[in-house]
C-alpha atoms as a PDB file:
ATOM      1  CA  UNK A   1     112.995 108.384 123.452  1.00  0.00           C
ATOM      2  CA  UNK A   2     109.221 108.700 123.417  1.00  0.00           C
ATOM      3  CA  UNK A   3     107.162 111.849 123.598  1.00  0.00           C
ATOM      4  CA  UNK A   4     103.656 113.195 123.136  1.00  0.00           C
ATOM      5  CA  UNK A   5     102.993 116.135 120.843  1.00  0.00           C
ATOM      6  CA  UNK A   6     100.105 117.821 119.062  1.00  0.00           C
ATOM      7  CA  UNK A   7      99.323 117.425 115.365  1.00  0.00           C
ATOM      8  CA  UNK A   8      96.957 119.459 113.241  1.00  0.00           C
ATOM      9  CA  UNK A   9      95.926 118.183 109.795  1.00  0.00           C
ATOM     10  CA  UNK A  10      94.080 119.887 106.978  1.00  0.00           C
ATOM     11  CA  UNK A  11      93.060 117.665 104.066  1.00  0.00           C
ATOM     12  CA  UNK A  12      91.606 119.910 101.366  1.00  0.00           C
ATOM     13  CA  UNK A  13      90.297 117.697  98.554  1.00  0.00           C
ATOM     14  CA  UNK A  14      87.724 120.015  96.972  1.00  0.00           C
ATOM     15  CA  UNK A  15      89.726 121.869  94.334  1.00  0.00           C
ATOM     16  CA  UNK A  16      89.119 119.625  91.299  1.00  0.00           C
ATOM     17  CA  UNK A  17      87.037 116.495  91.706  1.00  0.00           C
ATOM     18  CA  UNK A  18      85.772 114.156  88.948  1.00  0.00           C
ATOM     19  CA  UNK A  19      82.218 113.939  90.315  1.00  0.00           C
ATOM     20  CA  UNK A  20      82.035 117.511  91.696  1.00  0.00           C
ATOM     21  CA  UNK A  21      82.016 116.158  95.253  1.00  0.00           C
ATOM     22  CA  UNK A  22      84.762 117.252  97.633  1.00  0.00           C
ATOM     23  CA  UNK A  23      85.753 116.089 101.106  1.00  0.00           C
ATOM     24  CA  UNK A  24      87.716 118.375 103.415  1.00  0.00           C
ATOM     25  CA  UNK A  25      88.791 117.701 106.987  1.00  0.00           C
ATOM     26  CA  UNK A  26      90.243 119.898 109.713  1.00  0.00           C
ATOM     27  CA  UNK A  27      91.553 117.793 112.602  1.00  0.00           C
ATOM     28  CA  UNK A  28      93.761 118.218 115.675  1.00  0.00           C
ATOM     29  CA  UNK A  29      94.856 115.917 118.495  1.00  0.00           C
ATOM     30  CA  UNK A  30      97.663 114.102 120.298  1.00  0.00           C
ATOM     31  CA  UNK A  31     100.500 112.336 118.496  1.00  0.00           C
ATOM     32  CA  UNK A  32     102.640 109.686 120.217  1.00  0.00           C
ATOM     33  CA  UNK A  33     106.191 109.494 118.822  1.00  0.00           C
ATOM     34  CA  UNK A  34     108.688 106.653 119.354  1.00  0.00           C
ATOM     35  CA  UNK A  35     112.111 108.005 118.294  1.00  0.00           C
ATOM     36  CA  UNK A  36     114.665 105.486 116.999  1.00  0.00           C
ATOM     37  CA  UNK A  37     117.766 107.515 116.016  1.00  0.00           C
ATOM     38  CA  UNK A  38     116.718 109.494 112.908  1.00  0.00           C
ATOM     39  CA  UNK A  39     113.465 107.536 112.448  1.00  0.00           C
ATOM     40  CA  UNK A  40     110.301 108.564 114.264  1.00  0.00           C
ATOM     41  CA  UNK A  41     107.347 106.207 113.902  1.00  0.00           C
ATOM     42  CA  UNK A  42     104.174 107.673 115.391  1.00  0.00           C
ATOM     43  CA  UNK A  43     100.507 107.061 116.111  1.00  0.00           C
ATOM     44  CA  UNK A  44      97.799 109.726 116.390  1.00  0.00           C
ATOM     45  CA  UNK A  45      94.181 110.292 117.344  1.00  0.00           C
ATOM     46  CA  UNK A  46      92.581 113.431 115.901  1.00  0.00           C
ATOM     47  CA  UNK A  47      89.240 115.197 116.323  1.00  0.00           C
ATOM     48  CA  UNK A  48      87.588 118.009 114.392  1.00  0.00           C
ATOM     49  CA  UNK A  49      85.306 118.714 111.449  1.00  0.00           C
ATOM     50  CA  UNK A  50      84.678 116.929 108.153  1.00  0.00           C
ATOM     51  CA  UNK A  51      83.049 118.933 105.348  1.00  0.00           C
ATOM     52  CA  UNK A  52      81.279 117.442 102.341  1.00  0.00           C
ATOM     53  CA  UNK A  53      81.123 119.843  99.356  1.00  0.00           C
ATOM     54  CA  UNK A  54      78.573 119.238  96.610  1.00  0.00           C
ATOM     55  CA  UNK A  55      79.649 121.320  93.617  1.00  0.00           C
ATOM     56  CA  UNK A  56      77.201 120.257  90.896  1.00  0.00           C
ATOM     57  CA  UNK A  57      76.780 122.778  88.057  1.00  0.00           C
ATOM     58  CA  UNK A  58      73.016 122.168  87.893  1.00  0.00           C
ATOM     59  CA  UNK A  59      72.425 122.952  91.571  1.00  0.00           C
ATOM     60  CA  UNK A  60      73.587 125.640  93.971  1.00  0.00           C
ATOM     61  CA  UNK A  61      76.792 124.744  95.804  1.00  0.00           C
ATOM     62  CA  UNK A  62      75.993 123.067  99.114  1.00  0.00           C
ATOM     63  CA  UNK A  63      78.319 122.383 102.024  1.00  0.00           C
ATOM     64  CA  UNK A  64      77.690 120.202 105.084  1.00  0.00           C
ATOM     65  CA  UNK A  65      80.031 120.016 108.074  1.00  0.00           C
ATOM     66  CA  UNK A  66      79.956 117.350 110.793  1.00  0.00           C
ATOM     67  CA  UNK A  67      82.055 116.079 113.688  1.00  0.00           C
ATOM     68  CA  UNK A  68      84.893 113.807 112.555  1.00  0.00           C
ATOM     69  CA  UNK A  69      87.637 111.785 114.192  1.00  0.00           C
ATOM     70  CA  UNK A  70      90.635 109.909 112.838  1.00  0.00           C
ATOM     71  CA  UNK A  71      93.160 107.321 113.936  1.00  0.00           C
ATOM     72  CA  UNK A  72      96.425 107.076 112.096  1.00  0.00           C
ATOM     73  CA  UNK A  73     100.108 106.251 112.000  1.00  0.00           C
ATOM     74  CA  UNK A  74     103.160 107.192 110.044  1.00  0.00           C
ATOM     75  CA  UNK A  75     106.920 107.417 109.812  1.00  0.00           C
ATOM     76  CA  UNK A  76     109.084 110.543 109.809  1.00  0.00           C
ATOM     77  CA  UNK A  77     112.786 110.707 109.009  1.00  0.00           C
ATOM     78  CA  UNK A  78     114.609 113.523 110.840  1.00  0.00           C
ATOM     79  CA  UNK A  79     116.542 115.443 108.210  1.00  0.00           C
ATOM     80  CA  UNK A  80     117.441 118.283 110.610  1.00  0.00           C
ATOM     81  CA  UNK A  81     116.367 119.238 114.133  1.00  0.00           C
ATOM     82  CA  UNK A  82     113.202 120.921 112.775  1.00  0.00           C
ATOM     83  CA  UNK A  83     112.592 119.366 109.345  1.00  0.00           C
ATOM     84  CA  UNK A  84     111.188 115.868 108.909  1.00  0.00           C
ATOM     85  CA  UNK A  85     110.692 113.922 105.709  1.00  0.00           C
ATOM     86  CA  UNK A  86     107.305 112.269 106.030  1.00  0.00           C
ATOM     87  CA  UNK A  87     107.888 108.822 104.477  1.00  0.00           C
ATOM     88  CA  UNK A  88     104.189 107.986 104.849  1.00  0.00           C
ATOM     89  CA  UNK A  89     101.158 109.013 106.850  1.00  0.00           C
ATOM     90  CA  UNK A  90      97.910 107.030 106.985  1.00  0.00           C
ATOM     91  CA  UNK A  91      94.601 108.190 108.496  1.00  0.00           C
ATOM     92  CA  UNK A  92      91.321 106.353 108.819  1.00  0.00           C
ATOM     93  CA  UNK A  93      88.630 108.993 109.341  1.00  0.00           C
ATOM     94  CA  UNK A  94      85.047 108.558 110.515  1.00  0.00           C
ATOM     95  CA  UNK A  95      82.514 111.321 110.011  1.00  0.00           C
ATOM     96  CA  UNK A  96      79.207 111.501 111.899  1.00  0.00           C
ATOM     97  CA  UNK A  97      77.008 111.546 108.784  1.00  0.00           C
ATOM     98  CA  UNK A  98      74.036 109.180 108.704  1.00  0.00           C
ATOM     99  CA  UNK A  99      75.866 107.187 106.022  1.00  0.00           C
ATOM    100  CA  UNK A 100      78.946 106.845 108.238  1.00  0.00           C
ATOM    101  CA  UNK A 101      81.356 108.398 105.738  1.00  0.00           C
ATOM    102  CA  UNK A 102      84.858 106.933 106.308  1.00  0.00           C
ATOM    103  CA  UNK A 103      87.532 108.578 104.140  1.00  0.00           C
ATOM    104  CA  UNK A 104      91.068 107.223 104.130  1.00  0.00           C
ATOM    105  CA  UNK A 105      93.889 109.752 103.763  1.00  0.00           C
ATOM    106  CA  UNK A 106      97.427 108.757 102.743  1.00  0.00           C
ATOM    107  CA  UNK A 107     100.109 111.417 102.409  1.00  0.00           C
ATOM    108  CA  UNK A 108     103.858 111.909 102.007  1.00  0.00           C
ATOM    109  CA  UNK A 109     105.866 115.101 102.230  1.00  0.00           C
ATOM    110  CA  UNK A 110     107.865 117.379 104.472  1.00  0.00           C
ATOM    111  CA  UNK A 111     106.893 118.426 108.013  1.00  0.00           C
ATOM    112  CA  UNK A 112     108.205 121.250 110.185  1.00  0.00           C
ATOM    113  CA  UNK A 113     108.570 120.566 113.907  1.00  0.00           C
ATOM    114  CA  UNK A 114     108.233 123.497 116.329  1.00  0.00           C
ATOM    115  CA  UNK A 115     110.472 123.326 119.428  1.00  0.00           C
END
């Protein structure tokens, strides 16, 4: 069974960074799921905001936000009706900075599905 849903992602990578530069993204968009028994491979296209945080100790903290979009795919395993184990999730993001910043986000974890 196939269905279309909505996914919202927050990638907050500005807590501790080696070079005092953080990248955060706040994205939402459609997700296309192809259920195969307990496995649910999916593809997604997300839109939102990417924020670059410059946290240098010698300068005041500066933050720049721009439009961002992402394409991605992943695989969920249905543990229960509402809880999925996220085996992997991959996102290729493109931010509208002049440099064309293109972060790649890879995650694993647990996801809750609202019905």
